[in-house]
Amino acid sequence: MTATVATYPLKTGAGERPSRAEAEAAVATLLRWAGADPAREGLRDTPARVAKAYEEMFSGYATDTEALLTRTFEEVAGYDDIVLVKDIEFTSHCEHHMVPFLGRAHVAYLPAGRVLGLSKIARVVDAFSRRLQTQEALTQEIANLLQRVLAPRGVAVMMEAEHLCMSMRGVRKRGASTVTTSYLGLFREDRAERERFHALVSRP
């Protein structure tokens, strides 16, 4: 018997989430469409493997990102300068081709009395990355969440990634890197703060 996963409403409003069996049947259909035989030994378990992999890779849809930031600390000896977590490795999937893009995120904020546990920033990056995305939207979503929940004096997010939809198909340019940024609060208003952020990110 094929296991099924619990259903929950899709965020698109398209109805209930399909069952695991329906997802596996869809993968088998794609295999046949591509010209493969889902019944041969090497592909027999592929639909189940793909469904399981997708459940992991797109688990961000089931993550309450605001809940990740509910615990903060105020006993920080009055610290109010930049907090930067850089070189956060991430992998996401392009919403246009469902092909991975992967790279590093650099996230900073200027505290206004409260600071986060450092792992929380990495968890936020991971949660938003595990959804179908564009890099531009991913960058903005991370910044907006930190600004909305933490209410710091400023937020800066920079993401650098290679898109496999560009390197393995289409123009097929390997090694091309895409950089996106989002600046809120003082990082948007004050050029000197942005330059400090860039200097810290580029520091070995």
N, C-alpha and C. Protein backbone atom coordinates (compact mmCIF):
# COMPACT_ATOMS: atom_id res chain seq x y z
N MET A 1 0.85 -1.20 0.00
CA MET A 1 0.00 0.00 0.00
C MET A 1 0.88 1.24 0.00
N THR A 2 0.56 2.19 -0.85
CA THR A 2 1.33 3.43 -0.93
C THR A 2 0.95 4.37 0.20
N ALA A 3 1.95 4.88 0.90
CA ALA A 3 1.67 5.81 1.99
C ALA A 3 1.22 7.15 1.45
N THR A 4 0.38 7.82 2.20
CA THR A 4 -0.05 9.16 1.82
C THR A 4 0.38 10.14 2.89
N VAL A 5 0.45 11.40 2.51
CA VAL A 5 0.82 12.44 3.46
C VAL A 5 -0.43 13.20 3.87
N ALA A 6 -0.36 13.83 5.02
CA ALA A 6 -1.49 14.63 5.48
C ALA A 6 -1.75 15.76 4.51
N THR A 7 -3.02 16.07 4.28
CA THR A 7 -3.36 17.14 3.36
C THR A 7 -3.50 18.45 4.12
N TYR A 8 -3.21 19.55 3.41
CA TYR A 8 -3.46 20.88 3.96
C TYR A 8 -3.73 21.80 2.78
N PRO A 9 -4.50 22.87 2.99
CA PRO A 9 -4.87 23.73 1.86
C PRO A 9 -3.64 24.30 1.16
N LEU A 10 -3.63 24.27 -0.17
CA LEU A 10 -2.57 24.89 -0.93
C LEU A 10 -2.66 26.40 -0.78
N LYS A 11 -1.52 27.08 -0.75
CA LYS A 11 -1.51 28.53 -0.58
C LYS A 11 -2.05 29.24 -1.82
N THR A 12 -2.13 28.54 -2.94
CA THR A 12 -2.63 29.16 -4.16
C THR A 12 -4.15 29.22 -4.19
N GLY A 13 -4.82 28.54 -3.22
CA GLY A 13 -6.26 28.49 -3.24
C GLY A 13 -6.79 27.50 -4.27
N ALA A 14 -5.93 26.57 -4.73
CA ALA A 14 -6.31 25.64 -5.78
C ALA A 14 -6.97 24.38 -5.22
N GLY A 15 -7.34 24.36 -3.95
CA GLY A 15 -7.97 23.18 -3.39
C GLY A 15 -7.05 22.44 -2.46
N GLU A 16 -7.45 21.22 -2.09
CA GLU A 16 -6.65 20.42 -1.18
C GLU A 16 -5.42 19.86 -1.85
N ARG A 17 -4.41 19.60 -1.03
CA ARG A 17 -3.17 19.04 -1.55
C ARG A 17 -3.43 17.63 -2.06
N PRO A 18 -2.94 17.28 -3.26
CA PRO A 18 -3.11 15.92 -3.77
C PRO A 18 -2.44 14.90 -2.86
N SER A 19 -2.87 13.66 -2.95
CA SER A 19 -2.29 12.61 -2.14
C SER A 19 -0.92 12.21 -2.69
N ARG A 20 -0.18 11.46 -1.87
CA ARG A 20 1.12 10.94 -2.33
C ARG A 20 0.92 10.05 -3.56
N ALA A 21 -0.13 9.24 -3.57
CA ALA A 21 -0.39 8.36 -4.70
C ALA A 21 -0.61 9.17 -5.98
N GLU A 22 -1.32 10.26 -5.88
CA GLU A 22 -1.57 11.11 -7.05
C GLU A 22 -0.27 11.75 -7.53
N ALA A 23 0.58 12.16 -6.58
CA ALA A 23 1.87 12.75 -6.95
C ALA A 23 2.73 11.72 -7.68
N GLU A 24 2.76 10.50 -7.17
CA GLU A 24 3.56 9.45 -7.81
C GLU A 24 3.03 9.14 -9.21
N ALA A 25 1.71 9.14 -9.37
CA ALA A 25 1.12 8.89 -10.69
C ALA A 25 1.51 10.00 -11.67
N ALA A 26 1.59 11.24 -11.17
CA ALA A 26 1.99 12.35 -12.03
C ALA A 26 3.44 12.19 -12.49
N VAL A 27 4.31 11.73 -11.60
CA VAL A 27 5.72 11.50 -11.98
C VAL A 27 5.80 10.40 -13.03
N ALA A 28 5.04 9.34 -12.84
CA ALA A 28 5.04 8.26 -13.83
C ALA A 28 4.58 8.77 -15.19
N THR A 29 3.60 9.66 -15.19
CA THR A 29 3.13 10.25 -16.45
C THR A 29 4.25 11.05 -17.12
N LEU A 30 4.98 11.83 -16.35
CA LEU A 30 6.09 12.60 -16.90
C LEU A 30 7.17 11.69 -17.47
N LEU A 31 7.44 10.58 -16.79
CA LEU A 31 8.44 9.64 -17.29
C LEU A 31 8.00 9.08 -18.64
N ARG A 32 6.74 8.72 -18.75
CA ARG A 32 6.24 8.20 -20.03
C ARG A 32 6.29 9.28 -21.10
N TRP A 33 5.95 10.52 -20.73
CA TRP A 33 5.98 11.63 -21.68
C TRP A 33 7.39 11.87 -22.20
N ALA A 34 8.40 11.68 -21.30
CA ALA A 34 9.79 11.88 -21.70
C ALA A 34 10.31 10.75 -22.58
N GLY A 35 9.55 9.66 -22.69
CA GLY A 35 9.97 8.54 -23.53
C GLY A 35 10.52 7.37 -22.75
N ALA A 36 10.47 7.45 -21.40
CA ALA A 36 11.00 6.37 -20.57
C ALA A 36 9.90 5.38 -20.22
N ASP A 37 10.31 4.23 -19.73
CA ASP A 37 9.37 3.19 -19.33
C ASP A 37 9.37 3.09 -17.80
N PRO A 38 8.35 3.61 -17.13
CA PRO A 38 8.33 3.58 -15.67
C PRO A 38 8.32 2.17 -15.09
N ALA A 39 8.03 1.18 -15.92
CA ALA A 39 7.94 -0.19 -15.41
C ALA A 39 9.29 -0.90 -15.38
N ARG A 40 10.31 -0.33 -16.03
CA ARG A 40 11.60 -1.04 -16.03
C ARG A 40 12.24 -0.92 -14.66
N GLU A 41 13.16 -1.83 -14.37
CA GLU A 41 13.69 -1.96 -13.02
C GLU A 41 14.27 -0.66 -12.46
N GLY A 42 15.05 0.05 -13.25
CA GLY A 42 15.71 1.25 -12.75
C GLY A 42 14.77 2.39 -12.44
N LEU A 43 13.56 2.38 -13.04
CA LEU A 43 12.60 3.47 -12.84
C LEU A 43 11.40 3.06 -12.01
N ARG A 44 11.34 1.79 -11.62
CA ARG A 44 10.15 1.28 -10.95
C ARG A 44 9.82 2.05 -9.68
N ASP A 45 10.84 2.41 -8.92
CA ASP A 45 10.62 3.13 -7.65
C ASP A 45 10.84 4.64 -7.78
N THR A 46 11.10 5.10 -9.00
CA THR A 46 11.38 6.53 -9.19
C THR A 46 10.21 7.43 -8.80
N PRO A 47 8.96 7.12 -9.17
CA PRO A 47 7.87 8.01 -8.75
C PRO A 47 7.80 8.19 -7.24
N ALA A 48 8.01 7.11 -6.48
CA ALA A 48 7.97 7.23 -5.01
C ALA A 48 9.15 8.04 -4.51
N ARG A 49 10.33 7.83 -5.12
CA ARG A 49 11.51 8.57 -4.69
C ARG A 49 11.35 10.06 -4.98
N VAL A 50 10.82 10.38 -6.14
CA VAL A 50 10.65 11.79 -6.51
C VAL A 50 9.64 12.47 -5.59
N ALA A 51 8.53 11.80 -5.29
CA ALA A 51 7.54 12.38 -4.38
C ALA A 51 8.15 12.64 -3.00
N LYS A 52 8.94 11.68 -2.53
CA LYS A 52 9.59 11.86 -1.23
C LYS A 52 10.59 13.01 -1.27
N ALA A 53 11.36 13.09 -2.36
CA ALA A 53 12.33 14.18 -2.49
C ALA A 53 11.63 15.53 -2.56
N TYR A 54 10.53 15.61 -3.31
CA TYR A 54 9.80 16.88 -3.41
C TYR A 54 9.23 17.29 -2.06
N GLU A 55 8.79 16.31 -1.28
CA GLU A 55 8.25 16.62 0.04
C GLU A 55 9.30 17.30 0.90
N GLU A 56 10.56 16.87 0.76
CA GLU A 56 11.65 17.49 1.50
C GLU A 56 12.06 18.83 0.89
N MET A 57 12.23 18.86 -0.43
CA MET A 57 12.74 20.07 -1.07
C MET A 57 11.75 21.23 -1.01
N PHE A 58 10.45 20.93 -0.92
CA PHE A 58 9.44 21.98 -0.88
C PHE A 58 8.73 22.04 0.47
N SER A 59 9.44 21.60 1.52
CA SER A 59 8.85 21.59 2.86
C SER A 59 8.61 22.99 3.40
N GLY A 60 9.18 24.00 2.76
CA GLY A 60 9.00 25.38 3.23
C GLY A 60 7.56 25.85 3.18
N TYR A 61 6.73 25.23 2.32
CA TYR A 61 5.33 25.64 2.27
C TYR A 61 4.60 25.33 3.58
N ALA A 62 5.08 24.34 4.31
CA ALA A 62 4.44 23.96 5.57
C ALA A 62 5.08 24.62 6.78
N THR A 63 6.07 25.49 6.56
CA THR A 63 6.78 26.13 7.66
C THR A 63 6.19 27.50 7.98
N ASP A 64 5.88 27.72 9.23
CA ASP A 64 5.43 29.03 9.69
C ASP A 64 6.67 29.88 9.93
N THR A 65 7.01 30.72 8.97
CA THR A 65 8.26 31.47 9.06
C THR A 65 8.25 32.48 10.21
N GLU A 66 7.09 33.06 10.50
CA GLU A 66 7.04 34.02 11.61
C GLU A 66 7.32 33.33 12.94
N ALA A 67 6.89 32.09 13.08
CA ALA A 67 7.11 31.36 14.32
C ALA A 67 8.60 31.11 14.56
N LEU A 68 9.39 31.09 13.49
CA LEU A 68 10.82 30.90 13.65
C LEU A 68 11.48 32.05 14.40
N LEU A 69 10.83 33.21 14.40
CA LEU A 69 11.44 34.41 14.96
C LEU A 69 10.78 34.87 16.26
N THR A 70 9.98 34.01 16.86
CA THR A 70 9.24 34.45 18.05
C THR A 70 10.14 34.63 19.27
N ARG A 71 11.23 33.88 19.34
CA ARG A 71 12.10 34.00 20.52
C ARG A 71 13.25 34.94 20.23
N THR A 72 13.34 35.99 21.02
CA THR A 72 14.43 36.96 20.88
C THR A 72 15.07 37.19 22.25
N PHE A 73 16.22 37.90 22.23
CA PHE A 73 16.95 38.16 23.46
C PHE A 73 17.16 39.68 23.61
N GLU A 74 16.96 40.16 24.81
CA GLU A 74 17.14 41.58 25.07
C GLU A 74 18.36 41.88 25.94
N GLU A 75 18.88 40.89 26.62
CA GLU A 75 20.04 41.09 27.48
C GLU A 75 21.32 40.97 26.65
N VAL A 76 21.62 42.03 25.91
CA VAL A 76 22.78 42.02 25.01
C VAL A 76 23.72 43.19 25.31
N ALA A 77 23.70 43.67 26.54
CA ALA A 77 24.59 44.74 26.99
C ALA A 77 24.48 46.00 26.14
N GLY A 78 23.28 46.25 25.65
CA GLY A 78 23.06 47.47 24.87
C GLY A 78 23.57 47.41 23.44
N TYR A 79 23.93 46.23 22.94
CA TYR A 79 24.48 46.12 21.59
C TYR A 79 23.45 46.58 20.56
N ASP A 80 23.88 47.49 19.67
CA ASP A 80 22.95 48.00 18.66
C ASP A 80 23.61 48.17 17.30
N ASP A 81 24.73 47.49 17.07
CA ASP A 81 25.42 47.59 15.79
C ASP A 81 24.99 46.42 14.89
N ILE A 82 25.61 46.35 13.71
CA ILE A 82 25.23 45.34 12.72
C ILE A 82 25.40 43.93 13.26
N VAL A 83 24.37 43.12 13.02
CA VAL A 83 24.46 41.67 13.22
C VAL A 83 24.38 41.06 11.82
N LEU A 84 25.43 40.37 11.42
CA LEU A 84 25.51 39.80 10.08
C LEU A 84 25.78 38.31 10.16
N VAL A 85 24.94 37.55 9.47
CA VAL A 85 25.22 36.13 9.25
C VAL A 85 25.45 35.97 7.75
N LYS A 86 26.67 35.61 7.39
CA LYS A 86 26.98 35.55 5.96
C LYS A 86 27.35 34.14 5.54
N ASP A 87 27.39 33.96 4.23
CA ASP A 87 27.75 32.67 3.63
C ASP A 87 26.80 31.56 4.07
N ILE A 88 25.50 31.87 4.12
CA ILE A 88 24.49 30.85 4.40
C ILE A 88 24.20 30.11 3.10
N GLU A 89 24.63 28.88 3.01
CA GLU A 89 24.39 28.12 1.79
C GLU A 89 22.91 27.78 1.65
N PHE A 90 22.39 27.89 0.44
CA PHE A 90 20.99 27.55 0.21
C PHE A 90 20.82 26.93 -1.17
N THR A 91 19.76 26.15 -1.30
CA THR A 91 19.33 25.62 -2.59
C THR A 91 17.84 25.85 -2.70
N SER A 92 17.42 26.44 -3.80
CA SER A 92 16.01 26.65 -4.05
C SER A 92 15.68 26.11 -5.43
N HIS A 93 14.43 26.29 -5.86
CA HIS A 93 14.02 25.82 -7.18
C HIS A 93 13.31 26.94 -7.93
N CYS A 94 13.74 27.16 -9.15
CA CYS A 94 13.14 28.17 -10.02
C CYS A 94 11.68 27.83 -10.28
N GLU A 95 10.81 28.77 -10.05
CA GLU A 95 9.38 28.51 -10.25
C GLU A 95 8.99 28.42 -11.73
N HIS A 96 9.89 28.82 -12.61
CA HIS A 96 9.58 28.76 -14.04
C HIS A 96 9.88 27.40 -14.65
N HIS A 97 10.96 26.74 -14.18
CA HIS A 97 11.35 25.46 -14.76
C HIS A 97 11.47 24.34 -13.73
N MET A 98 11.31 24.68 -12.45
CA MET A 98 11.45 23.72 -11.35
C MET A 98 12.84 23.08 -11.35
N VAL A 99 13.83 23.88 -11.73
CA VAL A 99 15.23 23.46 -11.73
C VAL A 99 15.93 24.22 -10.60
N PRO A 100 16.91 23.61 -9.93
CA PRO A 100 17.53 24.27 -8.78
C PRO A 100 18.32 25.53 -9.14
N PHE A 101 18.38 26.45 -8.20
CA PHE A 101 19.42 27.48 -8.18
C PHE A 101 20.00 27.47 -6.78
N LEU A 102 21.29 27.67 -6.69
CA LEU A 102 21.97 27.49 -5.41
C LEU A 102 23.09 28.49 -5.23
N GLY A 103 23.33 28.84 -3.98
CA GLY A 103 24.36 29.82 -3.71
C GLY A 103 24.46 30.13 -2.24
N ARG A 104 24.72 31.43 -1.94
CA ARG A 104 24.92 31.86 -0.57
C ARG A 104 24.12 33.13 -0.28
N ALA A 105 23.65 33.20 0.94
CA ALA A 105 22.90 34.38 1.38
C ALA A 105 23.68 35.08 2.49
N HIS A 106 23.61 36.41 2.49
CA HIS A 106 24.22 37.24 3.53
C HIS A 106 23.10 38.12 4.10
N VAL A 107 22.84 37.97 5.39
CA VAL A 107 21.70 38.65 6.00
C VAL A 107 22.17 39.44 7.21
N ALA A 108 21.79 40.73 7.25
CA ALA A 108 22.19 41.59 8.37
C ALA A 108 21.01 42.42 8.85
N TYR A 109 21.07 42.80 10.11
CA TYR A 109 20.07 43.73 10.64
C TYR A 109 20.72 44.59 11.72
N LEU A 110 20.10 45.73 11.96
CA LEU A 110 20.52 46.66 13.01
C LEU A 110 19.50 46.55 14.14
N PRO A 111 19.87 45.97 15.28
CA PRO A 111 18.91 45.71 16.35
C PRO A 111 18.29 46.99 16.92
N ALA A 112 17.07 46.82 17.38
CA ALA A 112 16.39 47.90 18.10
C ALA A 112 15.97 47.35 19.45
N GLY A 113 16.95 46.85 20.21
CA GLY A 113 16.67 46.34 21.54
C GLY A 113 16.55 44.83 21.62
N ARG A 114 16.25 44.15 20.51
CA ARG A 114 16.10 42.71 20.52
C ARG A 114 17.01 42.08 19.46
N VAL A 115 17.58 40.93 19.79
CA VAL A 115 18.39 40.20 18.82
C VAL A 115 17.87 38.77 18.72
N LEU A 116 18.18 38.15 17.59
CA LEU A 116 17.77 36.78 17.33
C LEU A 116 18.89 35.81 17.64
N GLY A 117 18.53 34.57 17.94
CA GLY A 117 19.53 33.52 17.94
C GLY A 117 20.05 33.39 16.52
N LEU A 118 21.35 33.24 16.34
CA LEU A 118 21.94 33.29 15.01
C LEU A 118 21.39 32.21 14.07
N SER A 119 21.05 31.06 14.62
CA SER A 119 20.55 29.98 13.76
C SER A 119 19.20 30.31 13.16
N LYS A 120 18.46 31.24 13.79
CA LYS A 120 17.12 31.57 13.30
C LYS A 120 17.18 32.20 11.91
N ILE A 121 18.21 33.01 11.66
CA ILE A 121 18.33 33.63 10.34
C ILE A 121 18.55 32.57 9.28
N ALA A 122 19.42 31.61 9.57
CA ALA A 122 19.66 30.52 8.62
C ALA A 122 18.39 29.71 8.40
N ARG A 123 17.61 29.51 9.45
CA ARG A 123 16.36 28.76 9.31
C ARG A 123 15.35 29.49 8.44
N VAL A 124 15.33 30.82 8.55
CA VAL A 124 14.43 31.61 7.70
C VAL A 124 14.84 31.48 6.23
N VAL A 125 16.13 31.60 5.96
CA VAL A 125 16.62 31.43 4.59
C VAL A 125 16.23 30.06 4.06
N ASP A 126 16.40 29.03 4.89
CA ASP A 126 16.09 27.67 4.48
C ASP A 126 14.61 27.50 4.20
N ALA A 127 13.76 28.05 5.07
CA ALA A 127 12.31 27.88 4.91
C ALA A 127 11.81 28.51 3.61
N PHE A 128 12.23 29.75 3.32
CA PHE A 128 11.79 30.39 2.09
C PHE A 128 12.42 29.74 0.86
N SER A 129 13.63 29.20 1.01
CA SER A 129 14.29 28.56 -0.12
C SER A 129 13.58 27.27 -0.53
N ARG A 130 12.96 26.61 0.44
CA ARG A 130 12.31 25.34 0.15
C ARG A 130 10.90 25.55 -0.38
N ARG A 131 10.79 26.48 -1.31
CA ARG A 131 9.55 26.75 -2.04
C ARG A 131 9.94 27.06 -3.48
N LEU A 132 9.00 26.99 -4.39
CA LEU A 132 9.28 27.44 -5.74
C LEU A 132 9.46 28.95 -5.70
N GLN A 133 10.55 29.44 -6.29
CA GLN A 133 10.93 30.83 -6.08
C GLN A 133 11.51 31.46 -7.34
N THR A 134 11.57 32.78 -7.31
CA THR A 134 12.54 33.53 -8.10
C THR A 134 13.54 34.07 -7.09
N GLN A 135 14.75 34.32 -7.51
CA GLN A 135 15.75 34.82 -6.56
C GLN A 135 15.35 36.19 -6.04
N GLU A 136 14.74 36.99 -6.90
CA GLU A 136 14.33 38.33 -6.48
C GLU A 136 13.29 38.26 -5.36
N ALA A 137 12.29 37.40 -5.55
CA ALA A 137 11.25 37.27 -4.53
C ALA A 137 11.81 36.68 -3.24
N LEU A 138 12.69 35.70 -3.37
CA LEU A 138 13.30 35.07 -2.20
C LEU A 138 14.05 36.10 -1.36
N THR A 139 14.81 36.95 -2.02
CA THR A 139 15.57 37.98 -1.32
C THR A 139 14.64 38.93 -0.56
N GLN A 140 13.57 39.35 -1.22
CA GLN A 140 12.65 40.31 -0.61
C GLN A 140 11.86 39.69 0.53
N GLU A 141 11.46 38.43 0.38
CA GLU A 141 10.68 37.77 1.42
C GLU A 141 11.46 37.66 2.73
N ILE A 142 12.74 37.33 2.63
CA ILE A 142 13.58 37.23 3.82
C ILE A 142 13.68 38.58 4.51
N ALA A 143 13.95 39.63 3.73
CA ALA A 143 14.08 40.97 4.30
C ALA A 143 12.78 41.44 4.93
N ASN A 144 11.67 41.24 4.22
CA ASN A 144 10.38 41.71 4.73
C ASN A 144 10.00 41.03 6.04
N LEU A 145 10.26 39.72 6.13
CA LEU A 145 9.91 38.99 7.35
C LEU A 145 10.71 39.52 8.54
N LEU A 146 12.00 39.71 8.38
CA LEU A 146 12.83 40.21 9.48
C LEU A 146 12.37 41.60 9.91
N GLN A 147 12.05 42.44 8.94
CA GLN A 147 11.62 43.80 9.27
C GLN A 147 10.28 43.78 10.00
N ARG A 148 9.37 42.95 9.52
CA ARG A 148 8.02 42.91 10.09
C ARG A 148 7.99 42.32 11.50
N VAL A 149 8.71 41.23 11.71
CA VAL A 149 8.63 40.53 12.99
C VAL A 149 9.58 41.11 14.03
N LEU A 150 10.81 41.41 13.61
CA LEU A 150 11.81 41.87 14.57
C LEU A 150 11.77 43.38 14.78
N ALA A 151 11.26 44.13 13.79
CA ALA A 151 11.21 45.60 13.84
C ALA A 151 12.57 46.20 14.17
N PRO A 152 13.62 45.83 13.43
CA PRO A 152 14.94 46.42 13.66
C PRO A 152 15.02 47.80 13.01
N ARG A 153 16.15 48.46 13.18
CA ARG A 153 16.34 49.77 12.54
C ARG A 153 16.69 49.64 11.07
N GLY A 154 17.05 48.45 10.64
CA GLY A 154 17.35 48.22 9.23
C GLY A 154 17.64 46.77 8.97
N VAL A 155 17.41 46.35 7.73
CA VAL A 155 17.68 44.98 7.28
C VAL A 155 18.38 45.05 5.93
N ALA A 156 19.38 44.19 5.75
CA ALA A 156 20.06 44.07 4.46
C ALA A 156 20.19 42.60 4.11
N VAL A 157 19.83 42.26 2.88
CA VAL A 157 19.94 40.88 2.40
C VAL A 157 20.61 40.90 1.04
N MET A 158 21.64 40.07 0.88
CA MET A 158 22.29 39.88 -0.41
C MET A 158 22.33 38.39 -0.70
N MET A 159 21.95 38.02 -1.92
CA MET A 159 21.99 36.61 -2.32
C MET A 159 22.75 36.48 -3.62
N GLU A 160 23.63 35.49 -3.67
CA GLU A 160 24.42 35.19 -4.86
C GLU A 160 24.13 33.74 -5.23
N ALA A 161 23.75 33.50 -6.48
CA ALA A 161 23.37 32.14 -6.85
C ALA A 161 23.65 31.83 -8.32
N GLU A 162 23.87 30.55 -8.58
CA GLU A 162 23.95 30.05 -9.95
C GLU A 162 22.64 29.34 -10.25
N HIS A 163 22.06 29.66 -11.39
CA HIS A 163 20.77 29.10 -11.79
C HIS A 163 20.99 28.00 -12.83
N LEU A 164 20.62 26.79 -12.47
CA LEU A 164 20.81 25.67 -13.40
C LEU A 164 19.88 25.76 -14.60
N CYS A 165 18.78 26.51 -14.48
CA CYS A 165 17.92 26.69 -15.64
C CYS A 165 18.62 27.52 -16.72
N MET A 166 19.69 28.21 -16.33
CA MET A 166 20.48 28.97 -17.29
C MET A 166 21.76 28.24 -17.69
N SER A 167 22.28 27.40 -16.79
CA SER A 167 23.55 26.73 -17.09
C SER A 167 23.37 25.38 -17.77
N MET A 168 22.25 24.70 -17.56
CA MET A 168 22.07 23.37 -18.14
C MET A 168 21.03 23.33 -19.25
N ARG A 169 20.37 24.47 -19.51
CA ARG A 169 19.41 24.57 -20.61
C ARG A 169 19.46 26.00 -21.13
N GLY A 170 18.66 26.31 -22.13
CA GLY A 170 18.63 27.67 -22.65
C GLY A 170 19.98 28.12 -23.17
N VAL A 171 20.52 29.20 -22.63
CA VAL A 171 21.81 29.73 -23.11
C VAL A 171 22.99 28.89 -22.66
N ARG A 172 22.80 28.03 -21.64
CA ARG A 172 23.83 27.09 -21.17
C ARG A 172 25.15 27.80 -20.83
N LYS A 173 25.06 28.79 -20.00
CA LYS A 173 26.25 29.52 -19.56
C LYS A 173 26.59 29.11 -18.12
N ARG A 174 27.56 28.24 -17.98
CA ARG A 174 27.94 27.75 -16.67
C ARG A 174 28.75 28.80 -15.90
N GLY A 175 28.55 28.81 -14.61
CA GLY A 175 29.34 29.67 -13.75
C GLY A 175 28.84 31.10 -13.62
N ALA A 176 27.82 31.47 -14.39
CA ALA A 176 27.27 32.83 -14.27
C ALA A 176 26.59 32.97 -12.91
N SER A 177 26.86 34.07 -12.23
CA SER A 177 26.32 34.29 -10.89
C SER A 177 25.34 35.45 -10.92
N THR A 178 24.21 35.27 -10.26
CA THR A 178 23.20 36.32 -10.14
C THR A 178 23.22 36.86 -8.72
N VAL A 179 23.27 38.18 -8.58
CA VAL A 179 23.30 38.82 -7.27
C VAL A 179 22.04 39.67 -7.11
N THR A 180 21.35 39.49 -5.99
CA THR A 180 20.17 40.31 -5.68
C THR A 180 20.33 40.88 -4.28
N THR A 181 19.75 42.06 -4.06
CA THR A 181 19.85 42.70 -2.75
C THR A 181 18.51 43.30 -2.35
N SER A 182 18.32 43.42 -1.05
CA SER A 182 17.17 44.14 -0.51
C SER A 182 17.65 44.92 0.71
N TYR A 183 17.35 46.23 0.74
CA TYR A 183 17.73 47.08 1.86
C TYR A 183 16.48 47.75 2.42
N LEU A 184 16.31 47.64 3.72
CA LEU A 184 15.17 48.27 4.38
C LEU A 184 15.67 49.13 5.53
N GLY A 185 14.90 50.13 5.91
CA GLY A 185 15.26 50.99 7.03
C GLY A 185 16.55 51.75 6.77
N LEU A 186 17.45 51.77 7.76
CA LEU A 186 18.69 52.55 7.65
C LEU A 186 19.58 52.06 6.51
N PHE A 187 19.52 50.79 6.19
CA PHE A 187 20.35 50.30 5.09
C PHE A 187 19.91 50.89 3.75
N ARG A 188 18.64 51.21 3.64
CA ARG A 188 18.14 51.86 2.42
C ARG A 188 18.42 53.36 2.45
N GLU A 189 18.27 53.95 3.63
CA GLU A 189 18.36 55.40 3.73
C GLU A 189 19.79 55.92 3.83
N ASP A 190 20.69 55.12 4.36
CA ASP A 190 22.05 55.59 4.67
C ASP A 190 23.07 54.82 3.83
N ARG A 191 23.68 55.51 2.90
CA ARG A 191 24.66 54.86 2.03
C ARG A 191 25.84 54.30 2.82
N ALA A 192 26.24 54.99 3.88
CA ALA A 192 27.37 54.52 4.68
C ALA A 192 27.07 53.17 5.33
N GLU A 193 25.83 52.97 5.75
CA GLU A 193 25.46 51.67 6.34
C GLU A 193 25.51 50.57 5.29
N ARG A 194 25.06 50.88 4.07
CA ARG A 194 25.14 49.89 3.00
C ARG A 194 26.58 49.53 2.71
N GLU A 195 27.44 50.54 2.69
CA GLU A 195 28.85 50.28 2.40
C GLU A 195 29.50 49.46 3.50
N ARG A 196 29.10 49.68 4.74
CA ARG A 196 29.61 48.86 5.85
C ARG A 196 29.18 47.41 5.67
N PHE A 197 27.93 47.24 5.28
CA PHE A 197 27.41 45.89 5.03
C PHE A 197 28.21 45.20 3.93
N HIS A 198 28.44 45.91 2.82
CA HIS A 198 29.20 45.32 1.71
C HIS A 198 30.63 44.98 2.13
N ALA A 199 31.22 45.85 2.93
CA ALA A 199 32.60 45.61 3.38
C ALA A 199 32.67 44.36 4.26
N LEU A 200 31.68 44.19 5.14
CA LEU A 200 31.67 43.01 6.00
C LEU A 200 31.43 41.74 5.21
N VAL A 201 30.56 41.81 4.21
CA VAL A 201 30.28 40.63 3.38
C VAL A 201 31.52 40.20 2.60
N SER A 202 32.25 41.18 2.09
CA SER A 202 33.43 40.85 1.25
C SER A 202 34.66 40.52 2.05
N ARG A 203 34.65 40.76 3.36
CA ARG A 203 35.81 40.48 4.19
C ARG A 203 36.05 38.98 4.26
N PRO A 204 37.29 38.51 4.06
CA PRO A 204 37.56 37.07 4.12
C PRO A 204 37.21 36.48 5.48
